Amino acid sequence: MFAERRALADDLAGLDAAAWTTPSQCAGLSVREVLAHLTAGASLSWPRWMLGVIKCRFDFDAQVEVQLRRQLGRSGAETLERFERVVTSTTKPIPLRAMLGEIVVHGEDIRRPLGLRRDLPDAAATAAAAYFQRTNMAVPSGRRAAGLRLEATDGPFAAGAGPLVAGPALALIMAMTGRAAYCDELDGEGVPLLRERCESM
């Protein structure tokens, strides 16, 4: 998790003001706003997160928005500076595997629109893919993966039984978390079903 945060911070160093306003792969959010969201997640303990949820009357989307705005700062440079402060933070409102999954997915949500690439280490890719294949905690990734055989072509990850979906581990992760465009990077008879689930769940 720390290594993925550090890599993202390094990738974003030196972005100009226009680049910070680039739409991310998260609908309605710029790359700068997604980075602020990651900072918020690394700054909140479970009790503080729950207090925020209560203040927002259990409107989870409103809570996310409030915390994001709190970490945004006055410029892209300040947003990055705030993220830099939490690179090695152990504070977390959700389990460690979920935090790793969040930085992997949102890191890609930020990088892809900016034309940046990250060669995800096998350990991080395998852990994140395994987590999303079996959970529905934040997004219905487990439901999207249900009844499919998922196999990474660039690492050891393999899980599930059913029609095959094969491709880069990162593409599998992004498809499981609802990014339908990544199905274009996958092969196998299970891809149409996974794509349909991305578009409907």
Protein backbone atom coordinates (compact mmCIF):
# COMPACT_ATOMS: atom_id res chain seq x y z
CA MET A 1 0.00 0.00 0.00
CA PHE A 2 2.75 2.46 0.94
CA ALA A 3 4.67 1.63 -2.25
CA GLU A 4 1.58 2.27 -4.39
CA ARG A 5 0.95 5.61 -2.71
CA ARG A 6 4.60 6.58 -3.18
CA ALA A 7 4.52 5.59 -6.85
CA LEU A 8 1.38 7.63 -7.46
CA ALA A 9 2.80 10.70 -5.74
CA ASP A 10 5.96 10.42 -7.84
CA ASP A 11 3.94 10.06 -11.04
CA LEU A 12 1.97 13.22 -10.29
CA ALA A 13 4.92 15.42 -9.37
CA GLY A 14 5.18 18.37 -11.73
CA LEU A 15 1.67 18.27 -13.18
CA ASP A 16 0.58 21.67 -14.47
CA ALA A 17 -2.68 23.36 -13.45
CA ALA A 18 -4.54 22.18 -16.54
CA ALA A 19 -3.58 18.54 -16.00
CA TRP A 20 -5.02 18.60 -12.49
CA THR A 21 -8.47 19.40 -13.92
CA THR A 22 -8.43 16.37 -16.26
CA PRO A 23 -11.57 14.22 -15.80
CA SER A 24 -10.70 10.99 -14.05
CA GLN A 25 -12.27 7.60 -14.69
CA CYS A 26 -14.53 8.28 -11.68
CA ALA A 27 -17.62 9.94 -13.13
CA GLY A 28 -17.82 13.62 -12.28
CA LEU A 29 -14.44 13.84 -10.54
CA SER A 30 -11.18 15.35 -11.75
CA VAL A 31 -7.86 13.62 -11.14
CA ARG A 32 -7.19 16.17 -8.41
CA GLU A 33 -10.48 15.34 -6.67
CA VAL A 34 -9.77 11.61 -6.76
CA LEU A 35 -6.36 12.24 -5.19
CA ALA A 36 -8.04 14.27 -2.43
CA HIS A 37 -10.41 11.33 -1.89
CA LEU A 38 -7.41 9.03 -1.41
CA THR A 39 -5.91 11.48 1.08
CA ALA A 40 -9.16 11.53 3.03
CA GLY A 41 -9.22 7.74 3.21
CA ALA A 42 -5.70 7.65 4.61
CA SER A 43 -6.53 10.35 7.17
CA LEU A 44 -9.66 8.93 8.79
CA SER A 45 -9.86 6.33 11.53
CA TRP A 46 -12.98 4.16 11.75
CA PRO A 47 -14.48 6.24 14.62
CA ARG A 48 -13.88 9.54 12.78
CA TRP A 49 -15.31 8.08 9.59
CA MET A 50 -18.43 6.91 11.42
CA LEU A 51 -18.83 10.30 13.08
CA GLY A 52 -18.77 11.89 9.64
CA VAL A 53 -21.37 9.41 8.38
CA ILE A 54 -23.64 10.26 11.32
CA LYS A 55 -23.22 14.00 10.68
CA CYS A 56 -24.22 13.37 7.06
CA ARG A 57 -27.32 11.44 8.25
CA PHE A 58 -25.92 8.16 6.90
CA ASP A 59 -25.63 9.58 3.38
CA PHE A 60 -22.37 7.85 2.43
CA ASP A 61 -21.97 9.80 -0.81
CA ALA A 62 -22.31 13.07 1.09
CA GLN A 63 -19.70 11.90 3.59
CA VAL A 64 -17.26 11.09 0.77
CA GLU A 65 -17.86 14.53 -0.75
CA VAL A 66 -17.33 16.35 2.56
CA GLN A 67 -14.05 14.56 3.26
CA LEU A 68 -12.83 15.03 -0.31
CA ARG A 69 -13.43 18.80 -0.17
CA ARG A 70 -11.64 18.95 3.18
CA GLN A 71 -8.46 17.54 1.59
CA LEU A 72 -8.60 19.36 -1.76
CA GLY A 73 -6.59 22.44 -0.85
CA ARG A 74 -6.28 25.57 -2.97
CA SER A 75 -4.34 24.10 -5.90
CA GLY A 76 -3.20 20.87 -7.46
CA ALA A 77 0.20 21.32 -5.85
CA GLU A 78 -1.41 21.61 -2.43
CA THR A 79 -3.59 18.56 -3.08
CA LEU A 80 -0.44 16.58 -3.89
CA GLU A 81 1.36 17.96 -0.84
CA ARG A 82 -1.48 16.74 1.38
CA PHE A 83 -1.34 13.32 -0.26
CA GLU A 84 2.42 13.19 0.28
CA ARG A 85 1.82 13.58 4.01
CA VAL A 86 -0.23 10.36 4.18
CA VAL A 87 1.93 8.13 1.97
CA THR A 88 3.04 6.12 5.01
CA SER A 89 -0.10 6.64 7.07
CA THR A 90 -1.43 3.55 8.85
CA THR A 91 -4.73 5.28 9.64
CA LYS A 92 -7.61 3.57 7.88
CA PRO A 93 -11.43 3.41 8.07
CA ILE A 94 -11.56 0.08 6.18
CA PRO A 95 -9.47 -3.15 6.18
CA LEU A 96 -5.90 -3.08 4.88
CA ARG A 97 -6.69 -5.14 1.75
CA ALA A 98 -9.49 -2.70 0.94
CA MET A 99 -7.08 0.23 1.29
CA LEU A 100 -4.65 -1.48 -1.10
CA GLY A 101 -7.48 -2.07 -3.54
CA GLU A 102 -8.52 1.57 -3.32
CA ILE A 103 -5.06 2.94 -4.13
CA VAL A 104 -4.63 0.48 -7.00
CA VAL A 105 -8.00 1.28 -8.59
CA HIS A 106 -8.05 5.02 -7.98
CA GLY A 107 -4.38 5.27 -8.96
CA GLU A 108 -5.36 3.86 -12.34
CA ASP A 109 -8.44 6.12 -12.44
CA ILE A 110 -6.01 9.03 -12.19
CA ARG A 111 -3.18 7.75 -14.38
CA ARG A 112 -5.04 6.47 -17.43
CA PRO A 113 -6.62 9.83 -18.44
CA LEU A 114 -3.22 11.50 -17.98
CA GLY A 115 -1.50 8.96 -20.24
CA LEU A 116 0.55 7.55 -17.35
CA ARG A 117 1.29 3.85 -16.87
CA ARG A 118 2.23 1.85 -13.80
CA ASP A 119 3.65 -1.67 -13.97
CA LEU A 120 1.85 -2.99 -10.91
CA PRO A 121 4.05 -5.39 -8.90
CA ASP A 122 2.79 -8.98 -8.86
CA ALA A 123 2.25 -8.99 -5.10
CA ALA A 124 0.05 -5.89 -5.14
CA ALA A 125 -1.83 -6.97 -8.27
CA THR A 126 -2.50 -10.46 -6.91
CA ALA A 127 -3.64 -9.21 -3.50
CA ALA A 128 -5.95 -6.58 -4.97
CA ALA A 129 -7.43 -8.95 -7.56
CA ALA A 130 -8.05 -11.64 -4.94
CA TYR A 131 -9.72 -9.09 -2.67
CA PHE A 132 -12.08 -7.74 -5.33
CA GLN A 133 -12.91 -11.22 -6.64
CA ARG A 134 -14.48 -12.18 -3.33
CA THR A 135 -15.88 -8.98 -1.80
CA ASN A 136 -18.80 -6.64 -2.37
CA MET A 137 -17.92 -4.23 0.42
CA ALA A 138 -17.62 -0.95 -1.51
CA VAL A 139 -18.52 -2.04 -5.03
CA PRO A 140 -20.19 -5.26 -6.28
CA SER A 141 -16.91 -6.65 -7.62
CA GLY A 142 -17.55 -10.13 -6.22
CA ARG A 143 -20.95 -10.24 -7.91
CA ARG A 144 -19.38 -9.22 -11.22
CA ALA A 145 -16.78 -11.98 -10.89
CA ALA A 146 -19.23 -14.68 -9.73
CA GLY A 147 -19.34 -17.78 -11.93
CA LEU A 148 -16.29 -16.75 -13.95
CA ARG A 149 -12.74 -18.14 -14.12
CA LEU A 150 -10.36 -15.18 -13.87
CA GLU A 151 -6.73 -15.63 -14.86
CA ALA A 152 -3.98 -13.04 -15.03
CA THR A 153 -1.70 -13.40 -18.04
CA ASP A 154 1.06 -11.33 -16.43
CA GLY A 155 1.16 -12.82 -12.94
CA PRO A 156 0.02 -15.63 -10.65
CA PHE A 157 -3.54 -14.50 -9.95
CA ALA A 158 -6.21 -17.08 -10.83
CA ALA A 159 -9.56 -17.62 -9.15
CA GLY A 160 -13.11 -18.79 -9.69
CA ALA A 161 -14.75 -21.37 -11.90
CA GLY A 162 -16.75 -20.93 -15.08
CA PRO A 163 -16.24 -19.23 -18.45
CA LEU A 164 -12.70 -17.89 -18.78
CA VAL A 165 -11.73 -14.23 -18.54
CA ALA A 166 -7.98 -13.76 -19.05
CA GLY A 167 -5.75 -10.74 -19.34
CA PRO A 168 -3.51 -8.38 -17.38
CA ALA A 169 -4.21 -8.41 -13.65
CA LEU A 170 -4.84 -4.66 -13.62
CA ALA A 171 -7.46 -4.98 -16.37
CA LEU A 172 -9.17 -7.75 -14.38
CA ILE A 173 -9.20 -5.55 -11.28
CA MET A 174 -10.57 -2.53 -13.14
CA ALA A 175 -13.27 -4.59 -14.85
CA MET A 176 -14.34 -6.19 -11.57
CA THR A 177 -14.70 -2.70 -10.10
CA GLY A 178 -16.98 -1.60 -12.93
CA ARG A 179 -14.70 -0.01 -15.52
CA ALA A 180 -16.18 -1.63 -18.64
CA ALA A 181 -13.55 -0.18 -21.01
CA TYR A 182 -10.96 -2.55 -19.53
CA CYS A 183 -12.89 -5.51 -20.90
CA ASP A 184 -11.29 -4.56 -24.24
CA GLU A 185 -7.99 -5.77 -22.78
CA LEU A 186 -9.42 -9.16 -21.77
CA ASP A 187 -9.99 -12.41 -23.69
CA GLY A 188 -12.15 -15.47 -23.15
CA GLU A 189 -15.71 -16.62 -23.44
CA GLY A 190 -16.62 -14.96 -20.12
CA VAL A 191 -15.76 -11.43 -21.25
CA PRO A 192 -19.23 -10.57 -22.66
CA LEU A 193 -20.85 -11.49 -19.35
CA LEU A 194 -18.33 -9.48 -17.35
CA ARG A 195 -18.84 -6.50 -19.65
CA GLU A 196 -22.62 -6.76 -19.24
CA ARG A 197 -22.23 -6.82 -15.47
CA CYS A 198 -19.92 -3.78 -15.58
CA GLU A 199 -22.57 -1.85 -17.45
CA SER A 200 -25.54 -2.98 -15.35
CA MET A 201 -24.25 -3.14 -11.74
